[in-house]
Amino acid sequence: MTEAFFPELFKSFFIAMGVLLGGSLLGGLASFAMGQPLFIEMWRLSNFLRIWAIIAAIGGTFDTVYSFEKGFLNGETKELFKQFLLILAALGGANTGAMIISWLTQEHVSS
């Protein structure tokens, strides 16, 4: 049973954001426990985890690749457009999470 498109779109956005925020916060706490600087590690992890947050949000790569193949070969442009929007929502969620970490840590400000 497939889910409606707009709930999938919102889930894609918030899963990517949650993976990035959770991974950065928990990874930063682990690095702090090991004596590393907390905010620098959180910022570094947020940059590293972006692609993994996007992949986790779209549910792996094989379903997306299959949908793209179906869109190109069978002429189903509607399915192709939906997958593009899901990937775009995941990109937006990962970017929003990275922006929140950047605001929290203020590591983008050079001294």
PDB file of N, CA and C in Angstrom:
ATOM      1  N   MET A   1       0.844  -1.172   0.000  1.00  0.00           N
ATOM      2  CA  MET A   1       0.000   0.000   0.000  1.00  0.00           C
ATOM      3  C   MET A   1       0.889   1.234   0.000  1.00  0.00           C
ATOM      4  N   THR A   2       0.705   2.073  -0.974  1.00  0.00           N
ATOM      5  CA  THR A   2       1.529   3.272  -1.067  1.00  0.00           C
ATOM      6  C   THR A   2       0.872   4.424  -0.317  1.00  0.00           C
ATOM      7  N   GLU A   3       1.723   5.273   0.175  1.00  0.00           N
ATOM      8  CA  GLU A   3       1.251   6.434   0.924  1.00  0.00           C
ATOM      9  C   GLU A   3       1.036   7.592  -0.042  1.00  0.00           C
ATOM     10  N   ALA A   4       0.215   8.533   0.348  1.00  0.00           N
ATOM     11  CA  ALA A   4      -0.028   9.719  -0.473  1.00  0.00           C
ATOM     12  C   ALA A   4       1.275  10.505  -0.635  1.00  0.00           C
ATOM     13  N   PHE A   5       1.319  11.328  -1.654  1.00  0.00           N
ATOM     14  CA  PHE A   5       2.571  11.997  -2.004  1.00  0.00           C
ATOM     15  C   PHE A   5       2.996  13.058  -0.998  1.00  0.00           C
ATOM     16  N   PHE A   6       2.079  13.923  -0.567  1.00  0.00           N
ATOM     17  CA  PHE A   6       2.473  15.018   0.323  1.00  0.00           C
ATOM     18  C   PHE A   6       2.939  14.542   1.699  1.00  0.00           C
ATOM     19  N   PRO A   7       2.326  13.520   2.303  1.00  0.00           N
ATOM     20  CA  PRO A   7       2.931  12.999   3.537  1.00  0.00           C
ATOM     21  C   PRO A   7       4.338  12.433   3.323  1.00  0.00           C
ATOM     22  N   GLU A   8       4.573  11.811   2.180  1.00  0.00           N
ATOM     23  CA  GLU A   8       5.917  11.326   1.861  1.00  0.00           C
ATOM     24  C   GLU A   8       6.903  12.478   1.719  1.00  0.00           C
ATOM     25  N   LEU A   9       6.434  13.571   1.137  1.00  0.00           N
ATOM     26  CA  LEU A   9       7.282  14.745   0.965  1.00  0.00           C
ATOM     27  C   LEU A   9       7.699  15.325   2.317  1.00  0.00           C
ATOM     28  N   PHE A  10       6.739  15.456   3.232  1.00  0.00           N
ATOM     29  CA  PHE A  10       7.049  15.975   4.562  1.00  0.00           C
ATOM     30  C   PHE A  10       7.927  15.008   5.345  1.00  0.00           C
ATOM     31  N   LYS A  11       7.653  13.719   5.211  1.00  0.00           N
ATOM     32  CA  LYS A  11       8.487  12.729   5.891  1.00  0.00           C
ATOM     33  C   LYS A  11       9.918  12.787   5.382  1.00  0.00           C
ATOM     34  N   SER A  12      10.090  12.947   4.099  1.00  0.00           N
ATOM     35  CA  SER A  12      11.428  13.033   3.523  1.00  0.00           C
ATOM     36  C   SER A  12      12.193  14.231   4.091  1.00  0.00           C
ATOM     37  N   PHE A  13      11.522  15.366   4.186  1.00  0.00           N
ATOM     38  CA  PHE A  13      12.157  16.567   4.733  1.00  0.00           C
ATOM     39  C   PHE A  13      12.571  16.356   6.193  1.00  0.00           C
ATOM     40  N   PHE A  14      11.643  15.886   7.013  1.00  0.00           N
ATOM     41  CA  PHE A  14      11.913  15.797   8.442  1.00  0.00           C
ATOM     42  C   PHE A  14      12.812  14.622   8.813  1.00  0.00           C
ATOM     43  N   ILE A  15      12.807  13.556   8.026  1.00  0.00           N
ATOM     44  CA  ILE A  15      13.744  12.462   8.286  1.00  0.00           C
ATOM     45  C   ILE A  15      15.166  12.935   8.032  1.00  0.00           C
ATOM     46  N   ALA A  16      15.379  13.640   6.929  1.00  0.00           N
ATOM     47  CA  ALA A  16      16.724  14.155   6.634  1.00  0.00           C
ATOM     48  C   ALA A  16      17.184  15.124   7.717  1.00  0.00           C
ATOM     49  N   MET A  17      16.290  16.004   8.135  1.00  0.00           N
ATOM     50  CA  MET A  17      16.649  16.954   9.182  1.00  0.00           C
ATOM     51  C   MET A  17      16.926  16.239  10.504  1.00  0.00           C
ATOM     52  N   GLY A  18      16.116  15.250  10.837  1.00  0.00           N
ATOM     53  CA  GLY A  18      16.304  14.518  12.087  1.00  0.00           C
ATOM     54  C   GLY A  18      17.582  13.701  12.107  1.00  0.00           C
ATOM     55  N   VAL A  19      17.913  13.074  10.995  1.00  0.00           N
ATOM     56  CA  VAL A  19      19.160  12.305  10.927  1.00  0.00           C
ATOM     57  C   VAL A  19      20.349  13.229  11.126  1.00  0.00           C
ATOM     58  N   LEU A  20      20.315  14.371  10.480  1.00  0.00           N
ATOM     59  CA  LEU A  20      21.435  15.299  10.590  1.00  0.00           C
ATOM     60  C   LEU A  20      21.539  15.894  11.996  1.00  0.00           C
ATOM     61  N   LEU A  21      20.419  16.339  12.552  1.00  0.00           N
ATOM     62  CA  LEU A  21      20.453  16.915  13.905  1.00  0.00           C
ATOM     63  C   LEU A  21      20.830  15.877  14.949  1.00  0.00           C
ATOM     64  N   GLY A  22      20.207  14.723  14.888  1.00  0.00           N
ATOM     65  CA  GLY A  22      20.495  13.678  15.871  1.00  0.00           C
ATOM     66  C   GLY A  22      21.912  13.170  15.783  1.00  0.00           C
ATOM     67  N   GLY A  23      22.378  12.935  14.566  1.00  0.00           N
ATOM     68  CA  GLY A  23      23.745  12.458  14.401  1.00  0.00           C
ATOM     69  C   GLY A  23      24.770  13.478  14.854  1.00  0.00           C
ATOM     70  N   SER A  24      24.530  14.735  14.552  1.00  0.00           N
ATOM     71  CA  SER A  24      25.475  15.782  14.952  1.00  0.00           C
ATOM     72  C   SER A  24      25.479  15.983  16.461  1.00  0.00           C
ATOM     73  N   LEU A  25      24.302  16.014  17.060  1.00  0.00           N
ATOM     74  CA  LEU A  25      24.229  16.233  18.511  1.00  0.00           C
ATOM     75  C   LEU A  25      24.818  15.064  19.295  1.00  0.00           C
ATOM     76  N   LEU A  26      24.444  13.851  18.924  1.00  0.00           N
ATOM     77  CA  LEU A  26      24.958  12.690  19.654  1.00  0.00           C
ATOM     78  C   LEU A  26      26.442  12.463  19.376  1.00  0.00           C
ATOM     79  N   GLY A  27      26.868  12.682  18.139  1.00  0.00           N
ATOM     80  CA  GLY A  27      28.286  12.574  17.819  1.00  0.00           C
ATOM     81  C   GLY A  27      29.108  13.637  18.530  1.00  0.00           C
ATOM     82  N   GLY A  28      28.549  14.846  18.654  1.00  0.00           N
ATOM     83  CA  GLY A  28      29.236  15.908  19.386  1.00  0.00           C
ATOM     84  C   GLY A  28      29.370  15.582  20.859  1.00  0.00           C
ATOM     85  N   LEU A  29      28.314  15.006  21.440  1.00  0.00           N
ATOM     86  CA  LEU A  29      28.397  14.595  22.849  1.00  0.00           C
ATOM     87  C   LEU A  29      29.418  13.483  23.051  1.00  0.00           C
ATOM     88  N   ALA A  30      29.492  12.558  22.109  1.00  0.00           N
ATOM     89  CA  ALA A  30      30.485  11.486  22.212  1.00  0.00           C
ATOM     90  C   ALA A  30      31.901  12.040  22.098  1.00  0.00           C
ATOM     91  N   SER A  31      32.106  12.990  21.201  1.00  0.00           N
ATOM     92  CA  SER A  31      33.439  13.575  21.077  1.00  0.00           C
ATOM     93  C   SER A  31      33.793  14.400  22.315  1.00  0.00           C
ATOM     94  N   PHE A  32      32.790  15.049  22.910  1.00  0.00           N
ATOM     95  CA  PHE A  32      33.030  15.800  24.144  1.00  0.00           C
ATOM     96  C   PHE A  32      33.426  14.860  25.278  1.00  0.00           C
ATOM     97  N   ALA A  33      32.808  13.692  25.324  1.00  0.00           N
ATOM     98  CA  ALA A  33      33.157  12.707  26.352  1.00  0.00           C
ATOM     99  C   ALA A  33      34.586  12.196  26.166  1.00  0.00           C
ATOM    100  N   MET A  34      35.092  12.260  24.941  1.00  0.00           N
ATOM    101  CA  MET A  34      36.450  11.808  24.661  1.00  0.00           C
ATOM    102  C   MET A  34      37.466  12.939  24.724  1.00  0.00           C
ATOM    103  N   GLY A  35      37.029  14.145  25.107  1.00  0.00           N
ATOM    104  CA  GLY A  35      37.949  15.256  25.280  1.00  0.00           C
ATOM    105  C   GLY A  35      38.123  16.144  24.061  1.00  0.00           C
ATOM    106  N   GLN A  36      37.300  15.975  23.036  1.00  0.00           N
ATOM    107  CA  GLN A  36      37.358  16.805  21.838  1.00  0.00           C
ATOM    108  C   GLN A  36      36.464  18.028  22.026  1.00  0.00           C
ATOM    109  N   PRO A  37      36.687  19.092  21.266  1.00  0.00           N
ATOM    110  CA  PRO A  37      35.812  20.270  21.359  1.00  0.00           C
ATOM    111  C   PRO A  37      34.414  19.952  20.824  1.00  0.00           C
ATOM    112  N   LEU A  38      33.408  20.247  21.607  1.00  0.00           N
ATOM    113  CA  LEU A  38      32.027  19.873  21.319  1.00  0.00           C
ATOM    114  C   LEU A  38      31.495  20.535  20.056  1.00  0.00           C
ATOM    115  N   PHE A  39      31.541  21.854  19.985  1.00  0.00           N
ATOM    116  CA  PHE A  39      30.907  22.575  18.884  1.00  0.00           C
ATOM    117  C   PHE A  39      31.625  22.359  17.548  1.00  0.00           C
ATOM    118  N   ILE A  40      32.942  22.267  17.587  1.00  0.00           N
ATOM    119  CA  ILE A  40      33.681  22.037  16.342  1.00  0.00           C
ATOM    120  C   ILE A  40      33.333  20.666  15.777  1.00  0.00           C
ATOM    121  N   GLU A  41      33.237  19.662  16.629  1.00  0.00           N
ATOM    122  CA  GLU A  41      32.892  18.320  16.161  1.00  0.00           C
ATOM    123  C   GLU A  41      31.445  18.248  15.681  1.00  0.00           C
ATOM    124  N   MET A  42      30.551  18.946  16.360  1.00  0.00           N
ATOM    125  CA  MET A  42      29.163  18.967  15.890  1.00  0.00           C
ATOM    126  C   MET A  42      29.074  19.582  14.505  1.00  0.00           C
ATOM    127  N   TRP A  43      29.770  20.675  14.267  1.00  0.00           N
ATOM    128  CA  TRP A  43      29.758  21.332  12.965  1.00  0.00           C
ATOM    129  C   TRP A  43      30.389  20.445  11.896  1.00  0.00           C
ATOM    130  N   ARG A  44      31.501  19.797  12.251  1.00  0.00           N
ATOM    131  CA  ARG A  44      32.170  18.909  11.299  1.00  0.00           C
ATOM    132  C   ARG A  44      31.281  17.720  10.959  1.00  0.00           C
ATOM    133  N   LEU A  45      30.628  17.148  11.950  1.00  0.00           N
ATOM    134  CA  LEU A  45      29.729  16.020  11.698  1.00  0.00           C
ATOM    135  C   LEU A  45      28.522  16.425  10.871  1.00  0.00           C
ATOM    136  N   SER A  46      28.011  17.626  11.085  1.00  0.00           N
ATOM    137  CA  SER A  46      26.860  18.062  10.289  1.00  0.00           C
ATOM    138  C   SER A  46      27.228  18.178   8.818  1.00  0.00           C
ATOM    139  N   ASN A  47      28.446  18.581   8.519  1.00  0.00           N
ATOM    140  CA  ASN A  47      28.893  18.637   7.127  1.00  0.00           C
ATOM    141  C   ASN A  47      29.102  17.238   6.561  1.00  0.00           C
ATOM    142  N   PHE A  48      29.581  16.320   7.373  1.00  0.00           N
ATOM    143  CA  PHE A  48      29.841  14.959   6.926  1.00  0.00           C
ATOM    144  C   PHE A  48      28.554  14.156   6.731  1.00  0.00           C
ATOM    145  N   LEU A  49      27.558  14.397   7.563  1.00  0.00           N
ATOM    146  CA  LEU A  49      26.342  13.580   7.553  1.00  0.00           C
ATOM    147  C   LEU A  49      25.289  14.024   6.538  1.00  0.00           C
ATOM    148  N   ARG A  50      25.513  15.098   5.825  1.00  0.00           N
ATOM    149  CA  ARG A  50      24.482  15.600   4.890  1.00  0.00           C
ATOM    150  C   ARG A  50      24.064  14.562   3.870  1.00  0.00           C
ATOM    151  N   ILE A  51      25.014  13.949   3.190  1.00  0.00           N
ATOM    152  CA  ILE A  51      24.668  12.996   2.138  1.00  0.00           C
ATOM    153  C   ILE A  51      23.974  11.776   2.728  1.00  0.00           C
ATOM    154  N   TRP A  52      24.380  11.356   3.922  1.00  0.00           N
ATOM    155  CA  TRP A  52      23.756  10.185   4.541  1.00  0.00           C
ATOM    156  C   TRP A  52      22.347  10.498   5.011  1.00  0.00           C
ATOM    157  N   ALA A  53      22.115  11.729   5.411  1.00  0.00           N
ATOM    158  CA  ALA A  53      20.752  12.123   5.790  1.00  0.00           C
ATOM    159  C   ALA A  53      19.834  12.111   4.573  1.00  0.00           C
ATOM    160  N   ILE A  54      20.338  12.543   3.437  1.00  0.00           N
ATOM    161  CA  ILE A  54      19.542  12.542   2.210  1.00  0.00           C
ATOM    162  C   ILE A  54      19.236  11.116   1.782  1.00  0.00           C
ATOM    163  N   ILE A  55      20.230  10.242   1.840  1.00  0.00           N
ATOM    164  CA  ILE A  55      20.022   8.850   1.455  1.00  0.00           C
ATOM    165  C   ILE A  55      19.040   8.171   2.400  1.00  0.00           C
ATOM    166  N   ALA A  56      19.152   8.450   3.688  1.00  0.00           N
ATOM    167  CA  ALA A  56      18.212   7.852   4.650  1.00  0.00           C
ATOM    168  C   ALA A  56      16.791   8.365   4.419  1.00  0.00           C
ATOM    169  N   ALA A  57      16.660   9.617   4.037  1.00  0.00           N
ATOM    170  CA  ALA A  57      15.331  10.203   3.849  1.00  0.00           C
ATOM    171  C   ALA A  57      14.613   9.647   2.629  1.00  0.00           C
ATOM    172  N   ILE A  58      15.349   9.367   1.567  1.00  0.00           N
ATOM    173  CA  ILE A  58      14.677   8.848   0.378  1.00  0.00           C
ATOM    174  C   ILE A  58      14.552   7.339   0.415  1.00  0.00           C
ATOM    175  N   GLY A  59      14.979   6.713   1.493  1.00  0.00           N
ATOM    176  CA  GLY A  59      14.780   5.277   1.670  1.00  0.00           C
ATOM    177  C   GLY A  59      15.763   4.423   0.909  1.00  0.00           C
ATOM    178  N   GLY A  60      16.982   4.845   0.786  1.00  0.00           N
ATOM    179  CA  GLY A  60      17.965   4.101   0.013  1.00  0.00           C
ATOM    180  C   GLY A  60      17.948   4.555  -1.431  1.00  0.00           C
ATOM    181  N   THR A  61      18.853   4.035  -2.208  1.00  0.00           N
ATOM    182  CA  THR A  61      18.986   4.517  -3.567  1.00  0.00           C
ATOM    183  C   THR A  61      18.274   3.649  -4.590  1.00  0.00           C
ATOM    184  N   PHE A  62      17.999   2.392  -4.301  1.00  0.00           N
ATOM    185  CA  PHE A  62      17.459   1.498  -5.317  1.00  0.00           C
ATOM    186  C   PHE A  62      16.027   1.836  -5.706  1.00  0.00           C
ATOM    187  N   ASP A  63      15.197   2.199  -4.747  1.00  0.00           N
ATOM    188  CA  ASP A  63      13.826   2.582  -5.080  1.00  0.00           C
ATOM    189  C   ASP A  63      13.791   3.838  -5.941  1.00  0.00           C
ATOM    190  N   THR A  64      14.645   4.771  -5.617  1.00  0.00           N
ATOM    191  CA  THR A  64      14.692   6.010  -6.383  1.00  0.00           C
ATOM    192  C   THR A  64      15.211   5.755  -7.789  1.00  0.00           C
ATOM    193  N   VAL A  65      16.248   4.929  -7.897  1.00  0.00           N
ATOM    194  CA  VAL A  65      16.789   4.607  -9.218  1.00  0.00           C
ATOM    195  C   VAL A  65      15.744   3.867 -10.044  1.00  0.00           C
ATOM    196  N   TYR A  66      15.012   2.949  -9.426  1.00  0.00           N
ATOM    197  CA  TYR A  66      13.954   2.225 -10.132  1.00  0.00           C
ATOM    198  C   TYR A  66      12.855   3.180 -10.605  1.00  0.00           C
ATOM    199  N   SER A  67      12.497   4.135  -9.775  1.00  0.00           N
ATOM    200  CA  SER A  67      11.474   5.103 -10.166  1.00  0.00           C
ATOM    201  C   SER A  67      11.953   5.998 -11.301  1.00  0.00           C
ATOM    202  N   PHE A  68      13.237   6.393 -11.267  1.00  0.00           N
ATOM    203  CA  PHE A  68      13.779   7.167 -12.377  1.00  0.00           C
ATOM    204  C   PHE A  68      13.778   6.348 -13.670  1.00  0.00           C
ATOM    205  N   GLU A  69      14.156   5.065 -13.548  1.00  0.00           N
ATOM    206  CA  GLU A  69      14.153   4.193 -14.719  1.00  0.00           C
ATOM    207  C   GLU A  69      12.742   4.051 -15.284  1.00  0.00           C
ATOM    208  N   LYS A  70      11.792   3.868 -14.395  1.00  0.00           N
ATOM    209  CA  LYS A  70      10.395   3.752 -14.816  1.00  0.00           C
ATOM    210  C   LYS A  70       9.923   5.036 -15.489  1.00  0.00           C
ATOM    211  N   GLY A  71      10.348   6.164 -14.968  1.00  0.00           N
ATOM    212  CA  GLY A  71       9.960   7.443 -15.541  1.00  0.00           C
ATOM    213  C   GLY A  71      10.554   7.676 -16.915  1.00  0.00           C
ATOM    214  N   PHE A  72      11.836   7.316 -17.076  1.00  0.00           N
ATOM    215  CA  PHE A  72      12.486   7.537 -18.370  1.00  0.00           C
ATOM    216  C   PHE A  72      12.040   6.527 -19.423  1.00  0.00           C
ATOM    217  N   LEU A  73      12.060   5.248 -19.073  1.00  0.00           N
ATOM    218  CA  LEU A  73      11.818   4.216 -20.078  1.00  0.00           C
ATOM    219  C   LEU A  73      10.347   4.034 -20.417  1.00  0.00           C
ATOM    220  N   ASN A  74       9.471   4.215 -19.442  1.00  0.00           N
ATOM    221  CA  ASN A  74       8.043   4.029 -19.691  1.00  0.00           C
ATOM    222  C   ASN A  74       7.319   5.334 -19.989  1.00  0.00           C
ATOM    223  N   GLY A  75       8.042   6.431 -19.945  1.00  0.00           N
ATOM    224  CA  GLY A  75       7.428   7.715 -20.248  1.00  0.00           C
ATOM    225  C   GLY A  75       6.520   8.244 -19.161  1.00  0.00           C
ATOM    226  N   GLU A  76       6.731   7.810 -17.930  1.00  0.00           N
ATOM    227  CA  GLU A  76       5.913   8.279 -16.807  1.00  0.00           C
ATOM    228  C   GLU A  76       6.601   9.479 -16.165  1.00  0.00           C
ATOM    229  N   THR A  77       6.385  10.620 -16.738  1.00  0.00           N
ATOM    230  CA  THR A  77       7.050  11.824 -16.242  1.00  0.00           C
ATOM    231  C   THR A  77       6.515  12.260 -14.884  1.00  0.00           C
ATOM    232  N   LYS A  78       5.295  11.872 -14.569  1.00  0.00           N
ATOM    233  CA  LYS A  78       4.731  12.215 -13.260  1.00  0.00           C
ATOM    234  C   LYS A  78       5.526  11.540 -12.144  1.00  0.00           C
ATOM    235  N   GLU A  79       5.879  10.280 -12.337  1.00  0.00           N
ATOM    236  CA  GLU A  79       6.677   9.556 -11.344  1.00  0.00           C
ATOM    237  C   GLU A  79       8.082  10.144 -11.235  1.00  0.00           C
ATOM    238  N   LEU A  80       8.635  10.536 -12.348  1.00  0.00           N
ATOM    239  CA  LEU A  80       9.956  11.160 -12.370  1.00  0.00           C
ATOM    240  C   LEU A  80       9.947  12.479 -11.604  1.00  0.00           C
ATOM    241  N   PHE A  81       8.919  13.278 -11.812  1.00  0.00           N
ATOM    242  CA  PHE A  81       8.784  14.555 -11.126  1.00  0.00           C
ATOM    243  C   PHE A  81       8.589  14.361  -9.625  1.00  0.00           C
ATOM    244  N   LYS A  82       7.814  13.342  -9.235  1.00  0.00           N
ATOM    245  CA  LYS A  82       7.609  13.061  -7.803  1.00  0.00           C
ATOM    246  C   LYS A  82       8.922  12.696  -7.127  1.00  0.00           C
ATOM    247  N   GLN A  83       9.727  11.851  -7.772  1.00  0.00           N
ATOM    248  CA  GLN A  83      11.000  11.459  -7.179  1.00  0.00           C
ATOM    249  C   GLN A  83      11.947  12.652  -7.078  1.00  0.00           C
ATOM    250  N   PHE A  84      11.917  13.503  -8.079  1.00  0.00           N
ATOM    251  CA  PHE A  84      12.738  14.714  -8.028  1.00  0.00           C
ATOM    252  C   PHE A  84      12.332  15.590  -6.850  1.00  0.00           C
ATOM    253  N   LEU A  85      11.028  15.739  -6.617  1.00  0.00           N
ATOM    254  CA  LEU A  85      10.552  16.547  -5.488  1.00  0.00           C
ATOM    255  C   LEU A  85      10.910  15.910  -4.145  1.00  0.00           C
ATOM    256  N   LEU A  86      10.863  14.578  -4.056  1.00  0.00           N
ATOM    257  CA  LEU A  86      11.253  13.901  -2.816  1.00  0.00           C
ATOM    258  C   LEU A  86      12.732  14.126  -2.515  1.00  0.00           C
ATOM    259  N   ILE A  87      13.568  14.048  -3.539  1.00  0.00           N
ATOM    260  CA  ILE A  87      14.997  14.297  -3.339  1.00  0.00           C
ATOM    261  C   ILE A  87      15.238  15.754  -2.969  1.00  0.00           C
ATOM    262  N   LEU A  88      14.503  16.656  -3.592  1.00  0.00           N
ATOM    263  CA  LEU A  88      14.621  18.076  -3.279  1.00  0.00           C
ATOM    264  C   LEU A  88      14.196  18.359  -1.837  1.00  0.00           C
ATOM    265  N   ALA A  89      13.141  17.695  -1.367  1.00  0.00           N
ATOM    266  CA  ALA A  89      12.708  17.862   0.021  1.00  0.00           C
ATOM    267  C   ALA A  89      13.756  17.320   0.985  1.00  0.00           C
ATOM    268  N   ALA A  90      14.379  16.193   0.642  1.00  0.00           N
ATOM    269  CA  ALA A  90      15.439  15.646   1.493  1.00  0.00           C
ATOM    270  C   ALA A  90      16.643  16.579   1.526  1.00  0.00           C
ATOM    271  N   LEU A  91      16.977  17.166   0.384  1.00  0.00           N
ATOM    272  CA  LEU A  91      18.065  18.154   0.354  1.00  0.00           C
ATOM    273  C   LEU A  91      17.744  19.353   1.235  1.00  0.00           C
ATOM    274  N   GLY A  92      16.501  19.807   1.169  1.00  0.00           N
ATOM    275  CA  GLY A  92      16.086  20.929   2.005  1.00  0.00           C
ATOM    276  C   GLY A  92      16.126  20.599   3.486  1.00  0.00           C
ATOM    277  N   GLY A  93      15.705  19.399   3.851  1.00  0.00           N
ATOM    278  CA  GLY A  93      15.752  18.984   5.254  1.00  0.00           C
ATOM    279  C   GLY A  93      17.169  18.887   5.773  1.00  0.00           C
ATOM    280  N   ALA A  94      18.068  18.314   4.966  1.00  0.00           N
ATOM    281  CA  ALA A  94      19.469  18.213   5.379  1.00  0.00           C
ATOM    282  C   ALA A  94      20.105  19.598   5.489  1.00  0.00           C
ATOM    283  N   ASN A  95      19.765  20.482   4.569  1.00  0.00           N
ATOM    284  CA  ASN A  95      20.309  21.841   4.629  1.00  0.00           C
ATOM    285  C   ASN A  95      19.765  22.608   5.829  1.00  0.00           C
ATOM    286  N   THR A  96      18.485  22.419   6.137  1.00  0.00           N
ATOM    287  CA  THR A  96      17.901  23.077   7.310  1.00  0.00           C
ATOM    288  C   THR A  96      18.555  22.578   8.594  1.00  0.00           C
ATOM    289  N   GLY A  97      18.762  21.276   8.697  1.00  0.00           N
ATOM    290  CA  GLY A  97      19.444  20.723   9.871  1.00  0.00           C
ATOM    291  C   GLY A  97      20.860  21.242  10.008  1.00  0.00           C
ATOM    292  N   ALA A  98      21.580  21.321   8.886  1.00  0.00           N
ATOM    293  CA  ALA A  98      22.946  21.850   8.924  1.00  0.00           C
ATOM    294  C   ALA A  98      22.957  23.331   9.306  1.00  0.00           C
ATOM    295  N   MET A  99      21.950  24.059   8.855  1.00  0.00           N
ATOM    296  CA  MET A  99      21.857  25.476   9.208  1.00  0.00           C
ATOM    297  C   MET A  99      21.577  25.646  10.705  1.00  0.00           C
ATOM    298  N   ILE A 100      20.737  24.803  11.263  1.00  0.00           N
ATOM    299  CA  ILE A 100      20.455  24.858  12.699  1.00  0.00           C
ATOM    300  C   ILE A 100      21.720  24.561  13.495  1.00  0.00           C
ATOM    301  N   ILE A 101      22.478  23.546  13.083  1.00  0.00           N
ATOM    302  CA  ILE A 101      23.741  23.231  13.763  1.00  0.00           C
ATOM    303  C   ILE A 101      24.727  24.391  13.609  1.00  0.00           C
ATOM    304  N   SER A 102      24.760  24.982  12.446  1.00  0.00           N
ATOM    305  CA  SER A 102      25.657  26.124  12.230  1.00  0.00           C
ATOM    306  C   SER A 102      25.272  27.300  13.118  1.00  0.00           C
ATOM    307  N   TRP A 103      23.978  27.568  13.258  1.00  0.00           N
ATOM    308  CA  TRP A 103      23.523  28.633  14.146  1.00  0.00           C
ATOM    309  C   TRP A 103      23.834  28.303  15.596  1.00  0.00           C
ATOM    310  N   LEU A 104      23.674  27.048  15.963  1.00  0.00           N
ATOM    311  CA  LEU A 104      23.921  26.631  17.342  1.00  0.00           C
ATOM    312  C   LEU A 104      25.398  26.737  17.698  1.00  0.00           C
ATOM    313  N   THR A 105      26.249  26.307  16.798  1.00  0.00           N
ATOM    314  CA  THR A 105      27.678  26.262  17.116  1.00  0.00           C
ATOM    315  C   THR A 105      28.406  27.550  16.770  1.00  0.00           C
ATOM    316  N   GLN A 106      27.886  28.334  15.839  1.00  0.00           N
ATOM    317  CA  GLN A 106      28.523  29.567  15.370  1.00  0.00           C
ATOM    318  C   GLN A 106      29.926  29.306  14.843  1.00  0.00           C
ATOM    319  N   GLU A 107      30.145  28.128  14.245  1.00  0.00           N
ATOM    320  CA  GLU A 107      31.456  27.788  13.710  1.00  0.00           C
ATOM    321  C   GLU A 107      31.720  28.409  12.362  1.00  0.00           C
ATOM    322  N   HIS A 108      30.692  28.905  11.704  1.00  0.00           N
ATOM    323  CA  HIS A 108      30.888  29.525  10.402  1.00  0.00           C
ATOM    324  C   HIS A 108      31.452  30.944  10.514  1.00  0.00           C
ATOM    325  N   VAL A 109      31.449  31.501  11.734  1.00  0.00           N
ATOM    326  CA  VAL A 109      31.951  32.846  11.957  1.00  0.00           C
ATOM    327  C   VAL A 109      33.459  32.746  12.184  1.00  0.00           C
ATOM    328  N   SER A 110      34.228  33.406  11.339  1.00  0.00           N
ATOM    329  CA  SER A 110      35.683  33.373  11.509  1.00  0.00           C
ATOM    330  C   SER A 110      36.108  34.493  12.455  1.00  0.00           C
ATOM    331  N   SER A 111      37.099  34.218  13.259  1.00  0.00           N
ATOM    332  CA  SER A 111      37.547  35.213  14.246  1.00  0.00           C
ATOM    333  C   SER A 111      38.721  36.006  13.777  1.00  0.00           C
TER     334      SER A 111
END
